[in-house]
Amino acid sequence: MLDLSRYDGPSGFLVDTNLWIDCMTPDSRWHEWSIGQIQRCRKQAPPHINLVIYTELLIPDPDVKALDAMLDVYDTLRSPLPWTCAGLAANAYQRYRRSGGTRRVPLPDF
């Protein structure tokens, strides 16, 4: 079981890169659904991204101003990665590999 009892960051929803990509791609079949999910979640708590997600979103077009403007529409918090995430990711990756998973690199998948 993953232990987040010592997490001291703000509450909210960490929004995955793929969801943001769908929001940024009007012709994606998931565009409207993804926007709806973020809007629904932000009624409960703010959406978050971290440095890994932010970097992945800049890869197709490194326009920081445009990305920040889109994230600001959703009042997205830019959250640091707590050091405890490294241990949680390593544990999840070990379980994945022991159960037959074939991916060789833990980030960004874990």
PDB file of N, CA and C in Angstrom:
ATOM      1  N   MET A   1       0.844  -1.176   0.000  1.00  0.00           N
ATOM      2  CA  MET A   1       0.000   0.000   0.000  1.00  0.00           C
ATOM      3  C   MET A   1       0.889   1.238   0.000  1.00  0.00           C
ATOM      4  N   LEU A   2       0.544   2.202  -0.821  1.00  0.00           N
ATOM      5  CA  LEU A   2       1.304   3.444  -0.881  1.00  0.00           C
ATOM      6  C   LEU A   2       0.944   4.331   0.300  1.00  0.00           C
ATOM      7  N   ASP A   3       1.939   4.955   0.877  1.00  0.00           N
ATOM      8  CA  ASP A   3       1.721   5.783   2.062  1.00  0.00           C
ATOM      9  C   ASP A   3       1.936   7.254   1.731  1.00  0.00           C
ATOM     10  N   LEU A   4       0.867   8.019   1.762  1.00  0.00           N
ATOM     11  CA  LEU A   4       0.959   9.453   1.534  1.00  0.00           C
ATOM     12  C   LEU A   4       0.730  10.231   2.822  1.00  0.00           C
ATOM     13  N   SER A   5       0.870   9.567   3.959  1.00  0.00           N
ATOM     14  CA  SER A   5       0.558  10.205   5.238  1.00  0.00           C
ATOM     15  C   SER A   5       1.465  11.398   5.539  1.00  0.00           C
ATOM     16  N   ARG A   6       2.647  11.429   4.937  1.00  0.00           N
ATOM     17  CA  ARG A   6       3.550  12.545   5.208  1.00  0.00           C
ATOM     18  C   ARG A   6       3.548  13.588   4.087  1.00  0.00           C
ATOM     19  N   TYR A   7       2.658  13.432   3.134  1.00  0.00           N
ATOM     20  CA  TYR A   7       2.583  14.412   2.047  1.00  0.00           C
ATOM     21  C   TYR A   7       2.102  15.739   2.606  1.00  0.00           C
ATOM     22  N   ASP A   8       2.849  16.791   2.356  1.00  0.00           N
ATOM     23  CA  ASP A   8       2.488  18.089   2.919  1.00  0.00           C
ATOM     24  C   ASP A   8       2.117  19.116   1.852  1.00  0.00           C
ATOM     25  N   GLY A   9       1.860  18.673   0.657  1.00  0.00           N
ATOM     26  CA  GLY A   9       1.485  19.590  -0.415  1.00  0.00           C
ATOM     27  C   GLY A   9       0.000  19.909  -0.401  1.00  0.00           C
ATOM     28  N   PRO A  10      -0.409  20.803  -1.271  1.00  0.00           N
ATOM     29  CA  PRO A  10      -1.818  21.183  -1.333  1.00  0.00           C
ATOM     30  C   PRO A  10      -2.665  20.066  -1.934  1.00  0.00           C
ATOM     31  N   SER A  11      -3.938  20.051  -1.566  1.00  0.00           N
ATOM     32  CA  SER A  11      -4.835  19.044  -2.126  1.00  0.00           C
ATOM     33  C   SER A  11      -5.235  19.453  -3.535  1.00  0.00           C
ATOM     34  N   GLY A  12      -5.772  18.516  -4.258  1.00  0.00           N
ATOM     35  CA  GLY A  12      -6.217  18.788  -5.613  1.00  0.00           C
ATOM     36  C   GLY A  12      -6.086  17.546  -6.464  1.00  0.00           C
ATOM     37  N   PHE A  13      -6.139  17.742  -7.765  1.00  0.00           N
ATOM     38  CA  PHE A  13      -6.052  16.655  -8.730  1.00  0.00           C
ATOM     39  C   PHE A  13      -4.833  16.868  -9.614  1.00  0.00           C
ATOM     40  N   LEU A  14      -3.955  15.873  -9.667  1.00  0.00           N
ATOM     41  CA  LEU A  14      -2.826  15.928 -10.585  1.00  0.00           C
ATOM     42  C   LEU A  14      -3.343  15.489 -11.947  1.00  0.00           C
ATOM     43  N   VAL A  15      -3.316  16.393 -12.908  1.00  0.00           N
ATOM     44  CA  VAL A  15      -3.869  16.119 -14.235  1.00  0.00           C
ATOM     45  C   VAL A  15      -2.748  15.624 -15.139  1.00  0.00           C
ATOM     46  N   ASP A  16      -2.940  14.453 -15.701  1.00  0.00           N
ATOM     47  CA  ASP A  16      -1.967  13.777 -16.542  1.00  0.00           C
ATOM     48  C   ASP A  16      -1.733  14.528 -17.855  1.00  0.00           C
ATOM     49  N   THR A  17      -0.550  14.363 -18.403  1.00  0.00           N
ATOM     50  CA  THR A  17      -0.173  14.988 -19.670  1.00  0.00           C
ATOM     51  C   THR A  17      -1.176  14.691 -20.772  1.00  0.00           C
ATOM     52  N   ASN A  18      -1.610  13.441 -20.880  1.00  0.00           N
ATOM     53  CA  ASN A  18      -2.505  13.064 -21.975  1.00  0.00           C
ATOM     54  C   ASN A  18      -3.838  13.799 -21.921  1.00  0.00           C
ATOM     55  N   LEU A  19      -4.336  14.050 -20.730  1.00  0.00           N
ATOM     56  CA  LEU A  19      -5.583  14.798 -20.593  1.00  0.00           C
ATOM     57  C   LEU A  19      -5.397  16.232 -21.081  1.00  0.00           C
ATOM     58  N   TRP A  20      -4.282  16.854 -20.704  1.00  0.00           N
ATOM     59  CA  TRP A  20      -4.005  18.213 -21.178  1.00  0.00           C
ATOM     60  C   TRP A  20      -3.842  18.247 -22.691  1.00  0.00           C
ATOM     61  N   ILE A  21      -3.166  17.253 -23.255  1.00  0.00           N
ATOM     62  CA  ILE A  21      -2.989  17.210 -24.711  1.00  0.00           C
ATOM     63  C   ILE A  21      -4.343  17.160 -25.397  1.00  0.00           C
ATOM     64  N   ASP A  22      -5.262  16.367 -24.871  1.00  0.00           N
ATOM     65  CA  ASP A  22      -6.607  16.324 -25.451  1.00  0.00           C
ATOM     66  C   ASP A  22      -7.306  17.674 -25.345  1.00  0.00           C
ATOM     67  N   CYS A  23      -7.098  18.386 -24.252  1.00  0.00           N
ATOM     68  CA  CYS A  23      -7.685  19.728 -24.095  1.00  0.00           C
ATOM     69  C   CYS A  23      -7.106  20.704 -25.119  1.00  0.00           C
ATOM     70  N   MET A  24      -5.847  20.517 -25.461  1.00  0.00           N
ATOM     71  CA  MET A  24      -5.149  21.422 -26.373  1.00  0.00           C
ATOM     72  C   MET A  24      -5.358  21.060 -27.837  1.00  0.00           C
ATOM     73  N   THR A  25      -6.011  19.924 -28.095  1.00  0.00           N
ATOM     74  CA  THR A  25      -6.176  19.427 -29.461  1.00  0.00           C
ATOM     75  C   THR A  25      -7.660  19.381 -29.814  1.00  0.00           C
ATOM     76  N   PRO A  26      -8.177  20.432 -30.456  1.00  0.00           N
ATOM     77  CA  PRO A  26      -9.615  20.498 -30.730  1.00  0.00           C
ATOM     78  C   PRO A  26     -10.160  19.339 -31.561  1.00  0.00           C
ATOM     79  N   ASP A  27      -9.335  18.742 -32.419  1.00  0.00           N
ATOM     80  CA  ASP A  27      -9.841  17.639 -33.235  1.00  0.00           C
ATOM     81  C   ASP A  27      -9.669  16.265 -32.575  1.00  0.00           C
ATOM     82  N   SER A  28      -9.188  16.232 -31.344  1.00  0.00           N
ATOM     83  CA  SER A  28      -9.099  14.969 -30.603  1.00  0.00           C
ATOM     84  C   SER A  28     -10.504  14.470 -30.284  1.00  0.00           C
ATOM     85  N   ARG A  29     -10.725  13.187 -30.423  1.00  0.00           N
ATOM     86  CA  ARG A  29     -12.054  12.650 -30.092  1.00  0.00           C
ATOM     87  C   ARG A  29     -12.340  12.756 -28.599  1.00  0.00           C
ATOM     88  N   TRP A  30     -11.300  12.991 -27.785  1.00  0.00           N
ATOM     89  CA  TRP A  30     -11.444  13.118 -26.335  1.00  0.00           C
ATOM     90  C   TRP A  30     -11.442  14.576 -25.867  1.00  0.00           C
ATOM     91  N   HIS A  31     -11.411  15.514 -26.791  1.00  0.00           N
ATOM     92  CA  HIS A  31     -11.292  16.936 -26.449  1.00  0.00           C
ATOM     93  C   HIS A  31     -12.379  17.399 -25.476  1.00  0.00           C
ATOM     94  N   GLU A  32     -13.622  17.243 -25.844  1.00  0.00           N
ATOM     95  CA  GLU A  32     -14.725  17.716 -24.997  1.00  0.00           C
ATOM     96  C   GLU A  32     -14.778  16.954 -23.675  1.00  0.00           C
ATOM     97  N   TRP A  33     -14.549  15.645 -23.727  1.00  0.00           N
ATOM     98  CA  TRP A  33     -14.577  14.833 -22.510  1.00  0.00           C
ATOM     99  C   TRP A  33     -13.490  15.296 -21.540  1.00  0.00           C
ATOM    100  N   SER A  34     -12.288  15.530 -22.060  1.00  0.00           N
ATOM    101  CA  SER A  34     -11.167  15.938 -21.209  1.00  0.00           C
ATOM    102  C   SER A  34     -11.424  17.294 -20.564  1.00  0.00           C
ATOM    103  N   ILE A  35     -11.923  18.232 -21.340  1.00  0.00           N
ATOM    104  CA  ILE A  35     -12.264  19.543 -20.779  1.00  0.00           C
ATOM    105  C   ILE A  35     -13.315  19.382 -19.690  1.00  0.00           C
ATOM    106  N   GLY A  36     -14.320  18.558 -19.959  1.00  0.00           N
ATOM    107  CA  GLY A  36     -15.377  18.318 -18.967  1.00  0.00           C
ATOM    108  C   GLY A  36     -14.852  17.712 -17.681  1.00  0.00           C
ATOM    109  N   GLN A  37     -13.901  16.798 -17.783  1.00  0.00           N
ATOM    110  CA  GLN A  37     -13.342  16.158 -16.588  1.00  0.00           C
ATOM    111  C   GLN A  37     -12.578  17.161 -15.730  1.00  0.00           C
ATOM    112  N   ILE A  38     -11.789  18.000 -16.373  1.00  0.00           N
ATOM    113  CA  ILE A  38     -11.042  19.003 -15.607  1.00  0.00           C
ATOM    114  C   ILE A  38     -12.007  19.992 -14.960  1.00  0.00           C
ATOM    115  N   GLN A  39     -13.015  20.418 -15.711  1.00  0.00           N
ATOM    116  CA  GLN A  39     -13.992  21.358 -15.144  1.00  0.00           C
ATOM    117  C   GLN A  39     -14.745  20.734 -13.976  1.00  0.00           C
ATOM    118  N   ARG A  40     -15.110  19.468 -14.110  1.00  0.00           N
ATOM    119  CA  ARG A  40     -15.832  18.776 -13.034  1.00  0.00           C
ATOM    120  C   ARG A  40     -14.959  18.654 -11.789  1.00  0.00           C
ATOM    121  N   CYS A  41     -13.722  18.243 -11.971  1.00  0.00           N
ATOM    122  CA  CYS A  41     -12.816  18.062 -10.832  1.00  0.00           C
ATOM    123  C   CYS A  41     -12.493  19.381 -10.148  1.00  0.00           C
ATOM    124  N   ARG A  42     -12.341  20.442 -10.923  1.00  0.00           N
ATOM    125  CA  ARG A  42     -11.933  21.704 -10.301  1.00  0.00           C
ATOM    126  C   ARG A  42     -13.033  22.335  -9.471  1.00  0.00           C
ATOM    127  N   LYS A  43     -14.247  21.805  -9.577  1.00  0.00           N
ATOM    128  CA  LYS A  43     -15.317  22.251  -8.673  1.00  0.00           C
ATOM    129  C   LYS A  43     -15.057  21.758  -7.248  1.00  0.00           C
ATOM    130  N   GLN A  44     -14.286  20.660  -7.132  1.00  0.00           N
ATOM    131  CA  GLN A  44     -13.970  20.071  -5.828  1.00  0.00           C
ATOM    132  C   GLN A  44     -12.628  20.545  -5.285  1.00  0.00           C
ATOM    133  N   ALA A  45     -11.640  20.660  -6.150  1.00  0.00           N
ATOM    134  CA  ALA A  45     -10.281  21.034  -5.742  1.00  0.00           C
ATOM    135  C   ALA A  45      -9.520  21.465  -6.994  1.00  0.00           C
ATOM    136  N   PRO A  46      -8.456  22.234  -6.825  1.00  0.00           N
ATOM    137  CA  PRO A  46      -7.745  22.745  -8.002  1.00  0.00           C
ATOM    138  C   PRO A  46      -6.965  21.661  -8.744  1.00  0.00           C
ATOM    139  N   PRO A  47      -6.872  21.812 -10.070  1.00  0.00           N
ATOM    140  CA  PRO A  47      -5.997  20.912 -10.826  1.00  0.00           C
ATOM    141  C   PRO A  47      -4.538  21.305 -10.598  1.00  0.00           C
ATOM    142  N   HIS A  48      -3.669  20.318 -10.658  1.00  0.00           N
ATOM    143  CA  HIS A  48      -2.229  20.526 -10.479  1.00  0.00           C
ATOM    144  C   HIS A  48      -1.490  19.952 -11.682  1.00  0.00           C
ATOM    145  N   ILE A  49      -0.332  20.514 -11.944  1.00  0.00           N
ATOM    146  CA  ILE A  49       0.655  19.864 -12.800  1.00  0.00           C
ATOM    147  C   ILE A  49       1.988  19.963 -12.074  1.00  0.00           C
ATOM    148  N   ASN A  50       2.918  19.136 -12.498  1.00  0.00           N
ATOM    149  CA  ASN A  50       4.265  19.217 -11.939  1.00  0.00           C
ATOM    150  C   ASN A  50       5.249  19.488 -13.075  1.00  0.00           C
ATOM    151  N   LEU A  51       6.508  19.564 -12.737  1.00  0.00           N
ATOM    152  CA  LEU A  51       7.529  19.905 -13.718  1.00  0.00           C
ATOM    153  C   LEU A  51       7.621  18.881 -14.849  1.00  0.00           C
ATOM    154  N   VAL A  52       7.422  17.612 -14.558  1.00  0.00           N
ATOM    155  CA  VAL A  52       7.482  16.574 -15.589  1.00  0.00           C
ATOM    156  C   VAL A  52       6.357  16.785 -16.600  1.00  0.00           C
ATOM    157  N   ILE A  53       5.140  16.982 -16.115  1.00  0.00           N
ATOM    158  CA  ILE A  53       3.991  17.189 -16.999  1.00  0.00           C
ATOM    159  C   ILE A  53       4.172  18.474 -17.802  1.00  0.00           C
ATOM    160  N   TYR A  54       4.588  19.530 -17.139  1.00  0.00           N
ATOM    161  CA  TYR A  54       4.793  20.818 -17.810  1.00  0.00           C
ATOM    162  C   TYR A  54       5.797  20.669 -18.958  1.00  0.00           C
ATOM    163  N   THR A  55       6.896  19.979 -18.697  1.00  0.00           N
ATOM    164  CA  THR A  55       7.915  19.769 -19.724  1.00  0.00           C
ATOM    165  C   THR A  55       7.362  18.956 -20.883  1.00  0.00           C
ATOM    166  N   GLU A  56       6.626  17.893 -20.588  1.00  0.00           N
ATOM    167  CA  GLU A  56       6.044  17.069 -21.652  1.00  0.00           C
ATOM    168  C   GLU A  56       5.093  17.882 -22.523  1.00  0.00           C
ATOM    169  N   LEU A  57       4.371  18.817 -21.936  1.00  0.00           N
ATOM    170  CA  LEU A  57       3.438  19.638 -22.707  1.00  0.00           C
ATOM    171  C   LEU A  57       4.155  20.646 -23.603  1.00  0.00           C
ATOM    172  N   LEU A  58       5.386  20.974 -23.279  1.00  0.00           N
ATOM    173  CA  LEU A  58       6.149  21.915 -24.101  1.00  0.00           C
ATOM    174  C   LEU A  58       6.889  21.251 -25.255  1.00  0.00           C
ATOM    175  N   ILE A  59       6.962  19.933 -25.275  1.00  0.00           N
ATOM    176  CA  ILE A  59       7.748  19.248 -26.301  1.00  0.00           C
ATOM    177  C   ILE A  59       7.214  19.494 -27.714  1.00  0.00           C
ATOM    178  N   PRO A  60       5.919  19.396 -27.973  1.00  0.00           N
ATOM    179  CA  PRO A  60       5.503  19.628 -29.356  1.00  0.00           C
ATOM    180  C   PRO A  60       5.654  21.091 -29.789  1.00  0.00           C
ATOM    181  N   ASP A  61       5.516  22.024 -28.856  1.00  0.00           N
ATOM    182  CA  ASP A  61       5.603  23.453 -29.180  1.00  0.00           C
ATOM    183  C   ASP A  61       6.041  24.206 -27.928  1.00  0.00           C
ATOM    184  N   PRO A  62       7.320  24.561 -27.839  1.00  0.00           N
ATOM    185  CA  PRO A  62       7.821  25.179 -26.608  1.00  0.00           C
ATOM    186  C   PRO A  62       7.394  26.642 -26.430  1.00  0.00           C
ATOM    187  N   ASP A  63       6.088  26.883 -26.446  1.00  0.00           N
ATOM    188  CA  ASP A  63       5.540  28.226 -26.255  1.00  0.00           C
ATOM    189  C   ASP A  63       5.044  28.337 -24.813  1.00  0.00           C
ATOM    190  N   VAL A  64       5.925  28.786 -23.928  1.00  0.00           N
ATOM    191  CA  VAL A  64       5.623  28.854 -22.499  1.00  0.00           C
ATOM    192  C   VAL A  64       4.437  29.772 -22.229  1.00  0.00           C
ATOM    193  N   LYS A  65       4.384  30.907 -22.899  1.00  0.00           N
ATOM    194  CA  LYS A  65       3.286  31.857 -22.669  1.00  0.00           C
ATOM    195  C   LYS A  65       1.934  31.249 -23.028  1.00  0.00           C
ATOM    196  N   ALA A  66       1.869  30.550 -24.151  1.00  0.00           N
ATOM    197  CA  ALA A  66       0.605  29.928 -24.566  1.00  0.00           C
ATOM    198  C   ALA A  66       0.202  28.818 -23.596  1.00  0.00           C
ATOM    199  N   LEU A  67       1.171  28.016 -23.170  1.00  0.00           N
ATOM    200  CA  LEU A  67       0.867  26.945 -22.223  1.00  0.00           C
ATOM    201  C   LEU A  67       0.396  27.524 -20.898  1.00  0.00           C
ATOM    202  N   ASP A  68       1.091  28.527 -20.395  1.00  0.00           N
ATOM    203  CA  ASP A  68       0.677  29.147 -19.136  1.00  0.00           C
ATOM    204  C   ASP A  68      -0.724  29.744 -19.240  1.00  0.00           C
ATOM    205  N   ALA A  69      -1.031  30.360 -20.366  1.00  0.00           N
ATOM    206  CA  ALA A  69      -2.365  30.941 -20.553  1.00  0.00           C
ATOM    207  C   ALA A  69      -3.439  29.856 -20.503  1.00  0.00           C
ATOM    208  N   MET A  70      -3.189  28.720 -21.163  1.00  0.00           N
ATOM    209  CA  MET A  70      -4.163  27.623 -21.150  1.00  0.00           C
ATOM    210  C   MET A  70      -4.321  27.066 -19.744  1.00  0.00           C
ATOM    211  N   LEU A  71      -3.225  26.869 -19.035  1.00  0.00           N
ATOM    212  CA  LEU A  71      -3.299  26.334 -17.677  1.00  0.00           C
ATOM    213  C   LEU A  71      -4.005  27.311 -16.737  1.00  0.00           C
ATOM    214  N   ASP A  72      -3.794  28.595 -16.953  1.00  0.00           N
ATOM    215  CA  ASP A  72      -4.435  29.603 -16.106  1.00  0.00           C
ATOM    216  C   ASP A  72      -5.947  29.638 -16.285  1.00  0.00           C
ATOM    217  N   VAL A  73      -6.435  29.265 -17.449  1.00  0.00           N
ATOM    218  CA  VAL A  73      -7.886  29.193 -17.668  1.00  0.00           C
ATOM    219  C   VAL A  73      -8.521  28.257 -16.641  1.00  0.00           C
ATOM    220  N   TYR A  74      -7.808  27.208 -16.276  1.00  0.00           N
ATOM    221  CA  TYR A  74      -8.312  26.215 -15.324  1.00  0.00           C
ATOM    222  C   TYR A  74      -7.804  26.450 -13.899  1.00  0.00           C
ATOM    223  N   ASP A  75      -7.147  27.589 -13.660  1.00  0.00           N
ATOM    224  CA  ASP A  75      -6.581  27.898 -12.339  1.00  0.00           C
ATOM    225  C   ASP A  75      -5.654  26.783 -11.856  1.00  0.00           C
ATOM    226  N   THR A  76      -4.841  26.295 -12.766  1.00  0.00           N
ATOM    227  CA  THR A  76      -3.960  25.162 -12.487  1.00  0.00           C
ATOM    228  C   THR A  76      -2.789  25.570 -11.606  1.00  0.00           C
ATOM    229  N   LEU A  77      -2.562  24.798 -10.550  1.00  0.00           N
ATOM    230  CA  LEU A  77      -1.424  25.026  -9.664  1.00  0.00           C
ATOM    231  C   LEU A  77      -0.197  24.316 -10.217  1.00  0.00           C
ATOM    232  N   ARG A  78       0.928  24.987 -10.177  1.00  0.00           N
ATOM    233  CA  ARG A  78       2.205  24.379 -10.560  1.00  0.00           C
ATOM    234  C   ARG A  78       2.825  23.862  -9.269  1.00  0.00           C
ATOM    235  N   SER A  79       2.807  22.548  -9.117  1.00  0.00           N
ATOM    236  CA  SER A  79       3.203  21.931  -7.848  1.00  0.00           C
ATOM    237  C   SER A  79       4.566  21.264  -7.952  1.00  0.00           C
ATOM    238  N   PRO A  80       5.382  21.399  -6.913  1.00  0.00           N
ATOM    239  CA  PRO A  80       6.663  20.691  -6.899  1.00  0.00           C
ATOM    240  C   PRO A  80       6.429  19.201  -6.671  1.00  0.00           C
ATOM    241  N   LEU A  81       7.385  18.431  -7.073  1.00  0.00           N
ATOM    242  CA  LEU A  81       7.337  16.998  -6.792  1.00  0.00           C
ATOM    243  C   LEU A  81       7.935  16.759  -5.418  1.00  0.00           C
ATOM    244  N   PRO A  82       7.155  16.230  -4.476  1.00  0.00           N
ATOM    245  CA  PRO A  82       7.730  15.916  -3.164  1.00  0.00           C
ATOM    246  C   PRO A  82       8.740  14.771  -3.309  1.00  0.00           C
ATOM    247  N   TRP A  83       9.776  14.812  -2.513  1.00  0.00           N
ATOM    248  CA  TRP A  83      10.794  13.769  -2.568  1.00  0.00           C
ATOM    249  C   TRP A  83      10.208  12.392  -2.306  1.00  0.00           C
ATOM    250  N   THR A  84       9.127  12.303  -1.538  1.00  0.00           N
ATOM    251  CA  THR A  84       8.513  10.998  -1.267  1.00  0.00           C
ATOM    252  C   THR A  84       7.975  10.354  -2.535  1.00  0.00           C
ATOM    253  N   CYS A  85       7.745  11.149  -3.566  1.00  0.00           N
ATOM    254  CA  CYS A  85       7.262  10.581  -4.828  1.00  0.00           C
ATOM    255  C   CYS A  85       8.263   9.603  -5.427  1.00  0.00           C
ATOM    256  N   ALA A  86       9.538   9.853  -5.234  1.00  0.00           N
ATOM    257  CA  ALA A  86      10.560   8.967  -5.792  1.00  0.00           C
ATOM    258  C   ALA A  86      10.420   7.561  -5.226  1.00  0.00           C
ATOM    259  N   GLY A  87      10.248   7.465  -3.919  1.00  0.00           N
ATOM    260  CA  GLY A  87      10.079   6.155  -3.295  1.00  0.00           C
ATOM    261  C   GLY A  87       8.791   5.478  -3.724  1.00  0.00           C
ATOM    262  N   LEU A  88       7.715   6.239  -3.824  1.00  0.00           N
ATOM    263  CA  LEU A  88       6.436   5.675  -4.261  1.00  0.00           C
ATOM    264  C   LEU A  88       6.528   5.176  -5.698  1.00  0.00           C
ATOM    265  N   ALA A  89       7.176   5.953  -6.560  1.00  0.00           N
ATOM    266  CA  ALA A  89       7.329   5.540  -7.952  1.00  0.00           C
ATOM    267  C   ALA A  89       8.201   4.291  -8.056  1.00  0.00           C
ATOM    268  N   ALA A  90       9.274   4.233  -7.284  1.00  0.00           N
ATOM    269  CA  ALA A  90      10.155   3.060  -7.309  1.00  0.00           C
ATOM    270  C   ALA A  90       9.418   1.812  -6.839  1.00  0.00           C
ATOM    271  N   ASN A  91       8.626   1.937  -5.784  1.00  0.00           N
ATOM    272  CA  ASN A  91       7.853   0.787  -5.294  1.00  0.00           C
ATOM    273  C   ASN A  91       6.839   0.326  -6.327  1.00  0.00           C
ATOM    274  N   ALA A  92       6.139   1.263  -6.943  1.00  0.00           N
ATOM    275  CA  ALA A  92       5.153   0.900  -7.964  1.00  0.00           C
ATOM    276  C   ALA A  92       5.840   0.227  -9.148  1.00  0.00           C
ATOM    277  N   TYR A  93       6.989   0.751  -9.545  1.00  0.00           N
ATOM    278  CA  TYR A  93       7.733   0.177 -10.657  1.00  0.00           C
ATOM    279  C   TYR A  93       8.213  -1.234 -10.335  1.00  0.00           C
ATOM    280  N   GLN A  94       8.714  -1.475  -9.132  1.00  0.00           N
ATOM    281  CA  GLN A  94       9.149  -2.821  -8.744  1.00  0.00           C
ATOM    282  C   GLN A  94       7.988  -3.809  -8.794  1.00  0.00           C
ATOM    283  N   ARG A  95       6.839  -3.417  -8.272  1.00  0.00           N
ATOM    284  CA  ARG A  95       5.668  -4.304  -8.315  1.00  0.00           C
ATOM    285  C   ARG A  95       5.266  -4.592  -9.761  1.00  0.00           C
ATOM    286  N   TYR A  96       5.306  -3.576 -10.585  1.00  0.00           N
ATOM    287  CA  TYR A  96       4.976  -3.728 -11.998  1.00  0.00           C
ATOM    288  C   TYR A  96       5.908  -4.734 -12.672  1.00  0.00           C
ATOM    289  N   ARG A  97       7.207  -4.595 -12.464  1.00  0.00           N
ATOM    290  CA  ARG A  97       8.178  -5.500 -13.086  1.00  0.00           C
ATOM    291  C   ARG A  97       8.027  -6.923 -12.552  1.00  0.00           C
ATOM    292  N   ARG A  98       7.801  -7.064 -11.251  1.00  0.00           N
ATOM    293  CA  ARG A  98       7.633  -8.400 -10.655  1.00  0.00           C
ATOM    294  C   ARG A  98       6.384  -9.097 -11.178  1.00  0.00           C
ATOM    295  N   SER A  99       5.391  -8.312 -11.572  1.00  0.00           N
ATOM    296  CA  SER A  99       4.155  -8.924 -12.077  1.00  0.00           C
ATOM    297  C   SER A  99       4.200  -9.137 -13.590  1.00  0.00           C
ATOM    298  N   GLY A 100       5.381  -8.971 -14.185  1.00  0.00           N
ATOM    299  CA  GLY A 100       5.543  -9.273 -15.603  1.00  0.00           C
ATOM    300  C   GLY A 100       5.579  -8.068 -16.522  1.00  0.00           C
ATOM    301  N   GLY A 101       5.557  -6.868 -15.970  1.00  0.00           N
ATOM    302  CA  GLY A 101       5.625  -5.665 -16.800  1.00  0.00           C
ATOM    303  C   GLY A 101       6.937  -5.584 -17.558  1.00  0.00           C
ATOM    304  N   THR A 102       6.898  -5.039 -18.760  1.00  0.00           N
ATOM    305  CA  THR A 102       8.086  -5.041 -19.613  1.00  0.00           C
ATOM    306  C   THR A 102       8.744  -3.680 -19.803  1.00  0.00           C
ATOM    307  N   ARG A 103       8.129  -2.633 -19.365  1.00  0.00           N
ATOM    308  CA  ARG A 103       8.756  -1.310 -19.539  1.00  0.00           C
ATOM    309  C   ARG A 103      10.035  -1.239 -18.717  1.00  0.00           C
ATOM    310  N   ARG A 104      11.058  -0.610 -19.296  1.00  0.00           N
ATOM    311  CA  ARG A 104      12.381  -0.578 -18.671  1.00  0.00           C
ATOM    312  C   ARG A 104      12.684   0.721 -17.923  1.00  0.00           C
ATOM    313  N   VAL A 105      11.879   1.746 -18.100  1.00  0.00           N
ATOM    314  CA  VAL A 105      12.162   3.047 -17.496  1.00  0.00           C
ATOM    315  C   VAL A 105      10.987   3.456 -16.615  1.00  0.00           C
ATOM    316  N   PRO A 106      11.234   3.743 -15.352  1.00  0.00           N
ATOM    317  CA  PRO A 106      10.118   4.072 -14.465  1.00  0.00           C
ATOM    318  C   PRO A 106       9.429   5.398 -14.776  1.00  0.00           C
ATOM    319  N   LEU A 107      10.146   6.390 -15.210  1.00  0.00           N
ATOM    320  CA  LEU A 107       9.502   7.672 -15.525  1.00  0.00           C
ATOM    321  C   LEU A 107       9.281   7.780 -17.015  1.00  0.00           C
ATOM    322  N   PRO A 108       8.215   8.362 -17.467  1.00  0.00           N
ATOM    323  CA  PRO A 108       7.178   9.039 -16.711  1.00  0.00           C
ATOM    324  C   PRO A 108       6.019   8.135 -16.307  1.00  0.00           C
ATOM    325  N   ASP A 109       6.108   6.849 -16.602  1.00  0.00           N
ATOM    326  CA  ASP A 109       4.969   5.954 -16.382  1.00  0.00           C
ATOM    327  C   ASP A 109       4.619   5.724 -14.921  1.00  0.00           C
ATOM    328  N   PHE A 110       5.553   5.939 -14.018  1.00  0.00           N
ATOM    329  CA  PHE A 110       5.275   5.649 -12.617  1.00  0.00           C
ATOM    330  C   PHE A 110       5.440   6.886 -11.773  1.00  0.00           C
TER     331      PHE A 110
END
